PDB file of N, CA and C in Angstrom:
ATOM      1  N   LYS A   1      14.643  31.358 -13.959  1.00  0.00           N
ATOM      2  CA  LYS A   1      14.741  32.352 -14.535  1.00  0.00           C
ATOM      3  C   LYS A   1      15.416  32.998 -13.294  1.00  0.00           C
ATOM      4  N   GLU A   2      15.062  33.442 -12.494  1.00  0.00           N
ATOM      5  CA  GLU A   2      15.946  34.409 -11.691  1.00  0.00           C
ATOM      6  C   GLU A   2      16.977  34.073 -10.967  1.00  0.00           C
ATOM      7  N   LEU A   3      17.362  32.180 -10.976  1.00  0.00           N
ATOM      8  CA  LEU A   3      18.290  31.953 -10.790  1.00  0.00           C
ATOM      9  C   LEU A   3      19.727  32.145 -11.427  1.00  0.00           C
ATOM     10  N   ALA A   4      18.693  31.958 -12.728  1.00  0.00           N
ATOM     11  CA  ALA A   4      19.517  31.688 -13.922  1.00  0.00           C
ATOM     12  C   ALA A   4      20.740  33.591 -14.166  1.00  0.00           C
ATOM     13  N   ALA A   5      19.287  34.493 -13.576  1.00  0.00           N
ATOM     14  CA  ALA A   5      19.840  35.887 -13.554  1.00  0.00           C
ATOM     15  C   ALA A   5      21.372  35.522 -12.283  1.00  0.00           C
ATOM     16  N   ARG A   6      20.682  35.175 -11.717  1.00  0.00           N
ATOM     17  CA  ARG A   6      21.915  35.358 -10.364  1.00  0.00           C
ATOM     18  C   ARG A   6      23.478  34.461 -10.671  1.00  0.00           C
ATOM     19  N   VAL A   7      22.980  33.764 -11.600  1.00  0.00           N
ATOM     20  CA  VAL A   7      24.323  32.792 -12.099  1.00  0.00           C
ATOM     21  C   VAL A   7      24.974  32.941 -13.373  1.00  0.00           C
ATOM     22  N   LYS A   8      24.225  33.771 -14.351  1.00  0.00           N
ATOM     23  CA  LYS A   8      25.077  33.468 -15.430  1.00  0.00           C
ATOM     24  C   LYS A   8      26.335  33.970 -15.669  1.00  0.00           C
ATOM     25  N   HIS A   9      27.032  34.839 -14.666  1.00  0.00           N
ATOM     26  CA  HIS A   9      28.706  34.403 -15.087  1.00  0.00           C
ATOM     27  C   HIS A   9      29.541  33.339 -14.142  1.00  0.00           C
ATOM     28  N   GLN A  10      28.552  32.605 -13.236  1.00  0.00           N
ATOM     29  CA  GLN A  10      28.973  31.845 -12.681  1.00  0.00           C
ATOM     30  C   GLN A  10      29.509  29.976 -13.461  1.00  0.00           C
ATOM     31  N   LEU A  11      28.014  29.926 -14.109  1.00  0.00           N
ATOM     32  CA  LEU A  11      27.658  28.592 -14.597  1.00  0.00           C
ATOM     33  C   LEU A  11      27.205  28.499 -16.269  1.00  0.00           C
ATOM     34  N   ARG A  12      27.374  27.697 -17.057  1.00  0.00           N
ATOM     35  CA  ARG A  12      27.811  28.025 -18.301  1.00  0.00           C
ATOM     36  C   ARG A  12      26.284  27.391 -18.688  1.00  0.00           C
ATOM     37  N   ARG A  13      25.604  26.570 -18.007  1.00  0.00           N
ATOM     38  CA  ARG A  13      23.828  25.730 -17.914  1.00  0.00           C
ATOM     39  C   ARG A  13      23.408  26.301 -16.741  1.00  0.00           C
ATOM     40  N   ILE A  14      22.204  26.130 -16.626  1.00  0.00           N
ATOM     41  CA  ILE A  14      21.544  26.310 -15.769  1.00  0.00           C
ATOM     42  C   ILE A  14      20.549  24.803 -15.662  1.00  0.00           C
ATOM     43  N   PRO A  15      20.614  24.060 -14.895  1.00  0.00           N
ATOM     44  CA  PRO A  15      19.956  22.695 -14.955  1.00  0.00           C
ATOM     45  C   PRO A  15      18.295  23.076 -14.892  1.00  0.00           C
ATOM     46  N   GLU A  16      17.602  22.371 -16.026  1.00  0.00           N
ATOM     47  CA  GLU A  16      15.870  22.672 -15.179  1.00  0.00           C
ATOM     48  C   GLU A  16      15.298  22.050 -14.346  1.00  0.00           C
ATOM     49  N   LEU A  17      14.962  22.400 -13.179  1.00  0.00           N
ATOM     50  CA  LEU A  17      13.980  21.551 -12.137  1.00  0.00           C
ATOM     51  C   LEU A  17      12.391  21.348 -12.417  1.00  0.00           C
ATOM     52  N   LYS A  18      12.457  20.070 -11.538  1.00  0.00           N
ATOM     53  CA  LYS A  18      11.305  20.053 -12.269  1.00  0.00           C
ATOM     54  C   LYS A  18      10.545  19.627 -10.686  1.00  0.00           C
ATOM     55  N   PHE A  19       9.371  20.014  -9.947  1.00  0.00           N
ATOM     56  CA  PHE A  19       9.129  19.400  -8.911  1.00  0.00           C
ATOM     57  C   PHE A  19       7.277  18.944  -9.377  1.00  0.00           C
ATOM     58  N   PHE A  20       7.348  17.773  -8.105  1.00  0.00           N
ATOM     59  CA  PHE A  20       6.425  17.196  -8.471  1.00  0.00           C
ATOM     60  C   PHE A  20       5.703  16.627  -7.375  1.00  0.00           C
ATOM     61  N   LEU A  21       4.574  16.364  -7.195  1.00  0.00           N
ATOM     62  CA  LEU A  21       3.592  16.290  -5.953  1.00  0.00           C
ATOM     63  C   LEU A  21       4.043  15.012  -5.950  1.00  0.00           C
ATOM     64  N   ASP A  22       4.361  14.650  -4.403  1.00  0.00           N
ATOM     65  CA  ASP A  22       4.912  13.075  -3.801  1.00  0.00           C
ATOM     66  C   ASP A  22       3.179  12.900  -3.270  1.00  0.00           C
ATOM     67  N   ASP A  23       3.019  11.726  -4.162  1.00  0.00           N
ATOM     68  CA  ASP A  23       1.933  11.438  -2.944  1.00  0.00           C
ATOM     69  C   ASP A  23       1.966   9.784  -2.308  1.00  0.00           C
ATOM     70  N   THR A  24       3.132   9.779  -2.009  1.00  0.00           N
ATOM     71  CA  THR A  24       3.122   8.333  -1.423  1.00  0.00           C
ATOM     72  C   THR A  24       2.917   7.992  -0.271  1.00  0.00           C
ATOM     73  N   LEU A  25       2.602   9.644   0.718  1.00  0.00           N
ATOM     74  CA  LEU A  25       1.734   9.079   2.179  1.00  0.00           C
ATOM     75  C   LEU A  25       0.380   9.309   1.696  1.00  0.00           C
ATOM     76  N   ASP A  26      -0.512   9.193   0.591  1.00  0.00           N
ATOM     77  CA  ASP A  26      -2.035   9.173   0.510  1.00  0.00           C
ATOM     78  C   ASP A  26      -2.140   7.539   0.486  1.00  0.00           C
ATOM     79  N   GLN A  27      -1.001   7.357  -0.707  1.00  0.00           N
ATOM     80  CA  GLN A  27      -1.137   5.927  -0.752  1.00  0.00           C
ATOM     81  C   GLN A  27      -1.026   4.939   0.237  1.00  0.00           C
ATOM     82  N   VAL A  28       0.343   4.906   0.924  1.00  0.00           N
ATOM     83  CA  VAL A  28       0.446   4.563   2.497  1.00  0.00           C
ATOM     84  C   VAL A  28      -0.750   4.505   3.245  1.00  0.00           C
ATOM     85  N   PHE A  29      -1.684   5.523   3.272  1.00  0.00           N
ATOM     86  CA  PHE A  29      -3.086   5.462   4.167  1.00  0.00           C
ATOM     87  C   PHE A  29      -4.370   4.960   3.446  1.00  0.00           C
ATOM     88  N   LYS A  30      -3.617   4.907   2.164  1.00  0.00           N
ATOM     89  CA  LYS A  30      -5.081   3.515   1.297  1.00  0.00           C
ATOM     90  C   LYS A  30      -4.535   2.060   1.892  1.00  0.00           C
ATOM     91  N   MET A  31      -2.701   1.429   1.345  1.00  0.00           N
ATOM     92  CA  MET A  31      -2.391   0.444   1.658  1.00  0.00           C
ATOM     93  C   MET A  31      -3.313   0.111   3.523  1.00  0.00           C
ATOM     94  N   GLU A  32      -2.930   0.904   4.162  1.00  0.00           N
ATOM     95  CA  GLU A  32      -3.121   0.813   5.963  1.00  0.00           C
ATOM     96  C   GLU A  32      -5.068   0.770   5.318  1.00  0.00           C
ATOM     97  N   GLU A  33      -5.512   1.396   5.056  1.00  0.00           N
ATOM     98  CA  GLU A  33      -6.951   0.676   5.671  1.00  0.00           C
ATOM     99  C   GLU A  33      -7.680  -0.125   4.640  1.00  0.00           C
ATOM    100  N   LEU A  34      -6.830  -0.918   3.802  1.00  0.00           N
ATOM    101  CA  LEU A  34      -7.061  -2.179   3.178  1.00  0.00           C
ATOM    102  C   LEU A  34      -6.316  -3.353   3.917  1.00  0.00           C
ATOM    103  N   PHE A  35      -5.963  -2.692   4.705  1.00  0.00           N
ATOM    104  CA  PHE A  35      -5.413  -3.979   6.086  1.00  0.00           C
ATOM    105  C   PHE A  35      -5.666  -3.825   7.019  1.00  0.00           C
ATOM    106  N   GLU A  36      -6.115  -3.297   7.329  1.00  0.00           N
ATOM    107  CA  GLU A  36      -7.497  -2.952   8.814  1.00  0.00           C
ATOM    108  C   GLU A  36      -8.372  -3.617   8.259  1.00  0.00           C
ATOM    109  N   LYS A  37      -9.234  -3.092   6.838  1.00  0.00           N
ATOM    110  CA  LYS A  37      -9.981  -3.712   6.536  1.00  0.00           C
ATOM    111  C   LYS A  37     -10.055  -5.633   6.414  1.00  0.00           C
ATOM    112  N   ILE A  38      -9.171  -5.602   5.549  1.00  0.00           N
ATOM    113  CA  ILE A  38      -8.458  -6.980   5.881  1.00  0.00           C
ATOM    114  C   ILE A  38      -8.748  -8.197   6.821  1.00  0.00           C
ATOM    115  N   LYS A  39      -7.891  -7.311   7.991  1.00  0.00           N
ATOM    116  CA  LYS A  39      -8.046  -7.393   9.318  1.00  0.00           C
ATOM    117  C   LYS A  39      -9.458  -8.016   9.814  1.00  0.00           C
ATOM    118  N   LYS A  40      -9.794  -6.788  10.157  1.00  0.00           N
ATOM    119  CA  LYS A  40     -11.001  -7.252  10.455  1.00  0.00           C
ATOM    120  C   LYS A  40     -12.067  -8.139   9.797  1.00  0.00           C
ATOM    121  N   GLU A  41     -12.262  -8.861   8.024  1.00  0.00           N
ATOM    122  CA  GLU A  41     -12.799  -9.162   7.766  1.00  0.00           C
ATOM    123  C   GLU A  41     -12.294 -10.520   8.332  1.00  0.00           C
ATOM    124  N   GLU A  42     -10.817 -11.152   8.608  1.00  0.00           N
ATOM    125  CA  GLU A  42     -10.502 -12.254   9.501  1.00  0.00           C
ATOM    126  C   GLU A  42     -10.697 -12.117  10.472  1.00  0.00           C
ATOM    127  N   SER A  43     -10.891 -11.876  11.140  1.00  0.00           N
ATOM    128  CA  SER A  43     -11.594 -10.965  12.234  1.00  0.00           C
ATOM    129  C   SER A  43     -12.834 -12.009  12.229  1.00  0.00           C
ATOM    130  N   LYS A  44     -13.675 -11.657  11.480  1.00  0.00           N
ATOM    131  CA  LYS A  44     -14.953 -11.858  11.900  1.00  0.00           C
ATOM    132  C   LYS A  44     -15.224 -12.894  11.313  1.00  0.00           C
ATOM    133  N   ASN A  45     -14.812 -13.160  10.282  1.00  0.00           N
ATOM    134  CA  ASN A  45     -15.039 -15.274   9.947  1.00  0.00           C
ATOM    135  C   ASN A  45     -14.462 -16.304  10.923  1.00  0.00           C
ATOM    136  N   ASP A  46     -13.067 -15.320  11.809  1.00  0.00           N
ATOM    137  CA  ASP A  46     -12.687 -16.187  12.447  1.00  0.00           C
ATOM    138  C   ASP A  46     -13.985 -16.316  13.623  1.00  0.00           C
ATOM    139  N   ASN A  47     -15.162 -15.704  13.943  1.00  0.00           N
ATOM    140  CA  ASN A  47     -15.635 -15.677  15.216  1.00  0.00           C
ATOM    141  C   ASN A  47     -16.352 -15.881  14.541  1.00  0.00           C
ATOM    142  N   GLU A  48     -17.497 -16.213  13.503  1.00  0.00           N
ATOM    143  CA  GLU A  48     -18.487 -16.267  12.660  1.00  0.00           C
ATOM    144  C   GLU A  48     -17.952 -18.334  13.054  1.00  0.00           C
ATOM    145  N   GLU A  49     -16.295 -18.984  12.941  1.00  0.00           N
ATOM    146  CA  GLU A  49     -16.051 -20.332  12.458  1.00  0.00           C
ATOM    147  C   GLU A  49     -16.401 -20.775  13.964  1.00  0.00           C
ATOM    148  N   GLU A  50     -16.628 -20.384  15.219  1.00  0.00           N
ATOM    149  CA  GLU A  50     -16.053 -20.670  16.597  1.00  0.00           C
ATOM    150  C   GLU A  50     -17.533 -20.844  16.923  1.00  0.00           C
ATOM    151  N   LYS A  51     -18.048 -20.163  16.344  1.00  0.00           N
ATOM    152  CA  LYS A  51     -19.573 -20.108  16.471  1.00  0.00           C
ATOM    153  C   LYS A  51     -20.284 -20.800  16.117  1.00  0.00           C
ATOM    154  N   GLY A  52     -19.967 -20.882  15.175  1.00  0.00           N
ATOM    155  CA  GLY A  52     -20.783 -22.454  13.878  1.00  0.00           C
ATOM    156  C   GLY A  52     -20.277 -23.518  13.728  1.00  0.00           C
TER     157      GLY A  52
END
Protein backbone atom coordinates (compact mmCIF):
# COMPACT_ATOMS: atom_id res chain seq x y z
CA LYS A 1 0.00 0.00 0.00
CA GLU A 2 2.89 2.32 0.72
CA LEU A 3 4.27 1.64 -2.74
CA ALA A 4 0.87 2.37 -4.27
CA ALA A 5 0.77 5.76 -2.57
CA ARG A 6 4.20 6.65 -3.94
CA VAL A 7 3.55 5.74 -7.57
CA LYS A 8 -0.21 6.22 -7.90
CA HIS A 9 0.25 9.06 -10.41
CA GLN A 10 2.84 7.17 -12.45
CA LEU A 11 1.18 3.78 -12.85
CA ARG A 12 -2.41 2.81 -13.50
CA ARG A 13 -2.24 -0.46 -11.65
CA ILE A 14 0.13 -1.74 -8.98
CA PRO A 15 0.84 -5.48 -9.18
CA GLU A 16 0.29 -7.46 -6.02
CA LEU A 17 3.55 -8.85 -4.69
CA LYS A 18 3.51 -12.13 -2.81
CA PHE A 19 6.47 -13.47 -0.89
CA PHE A 20 6.94 -17.05 0.19
CA LEU A 21 9.45 -19.00 2.19
CA ASP A 22 11.87 -20.86 -0.05
CA ASP A 23 12.65 -24.18 1.65
CA THR A 24 14.82 -25.50 -1.17
CA LEU A 25 17.93 -25.43 0.99
CA ASP A 26 16.22 -27.54 3.66
CA GLN A 27 15.28 -30.09 1.00
CA VAL A 28 18.87 -30.15 -0.26
CA PHE A 29 20.16 -30.93 3.24
CA LYS A 30 17.60 -33.71 3.67
CA MET A 31 18.60 -35.25 0.34
CA GLU A 32 22.29 -35.07 1.25
CA GLU A 33 21.55 -36.83 4.54
CA LEU A 34 19.69 -39.58 2.70
CA PHE A 35 22.51 -40.05 0.18
CA GLU A 36 25.06 -40.19 2.99
CA LYS A 37 22.95 -42.78 4.83
CA ILE A 38 22.70 -44.91 1.69
CA LYS A 39 26.43 -44.59 1.12
CA LYS A 40 27.19 -45.74 4.68
CA GLU A 41 24.79 -48.68 4.41
CA GLU A 42 26.34 -49.77 1.11
CA SER A 43 29.81 -49.50 2.59
CA LYS A 44 28.71 -51.53 5.62
CA ASN A 45 27.20 -54.21 3.37
CA ASP A 46 30.36 -54.36 1.25
CA ASN A 47 32.50 -54.85 4.37
CA GLU A 48 30.22 -57.62 5.65
CA GLU A 49 30.40 -59.41 2.29
CA GLU A 50 34.20 -59.27 2.34
CA LYS A 51 34.28 -60.80 5.85
CA GLY A 52 31.65 -63.44 5.12
